[in-house]
């Protein structure tokens, strides 16, 4: 299986950006997706996650109410919609895949995800 992020860029505070995670090499049946980010000089942190069996996403407190994870099985894509962006959201964003995964939950722990993309830079600045 492979995952690849895209869609990063420069956006002004208060703006929006949608990141895409293209997944391939497996059937989108039982899996979990995690979104993570790493800001300069900081450890990588979980942003949110989604499991196919549970069917809805969970979010870290700093992004709750502003970020939304969605999937499009027909296109083999997972998205991270980011609204009301703040300068502190500036980071490299990663998509990670846990497959197969039959659980009714998802994890914010990096070690639970085997397949990772290379990351995409998001910069929030005026």
Foldseek 3Di string as FASTA:
>chain_A
DAKAKDWADEAAAQAKTKMKIADDDDQLDWKKKWKWWDDPPGDIWTAKMDTRQQGAIDGDPVQPPFWGWDDDRVRRMIMIIGGNDDQVVWTWMKMFMQPRHDDNYDDGDPVNTDYIHPTDTHGYHD
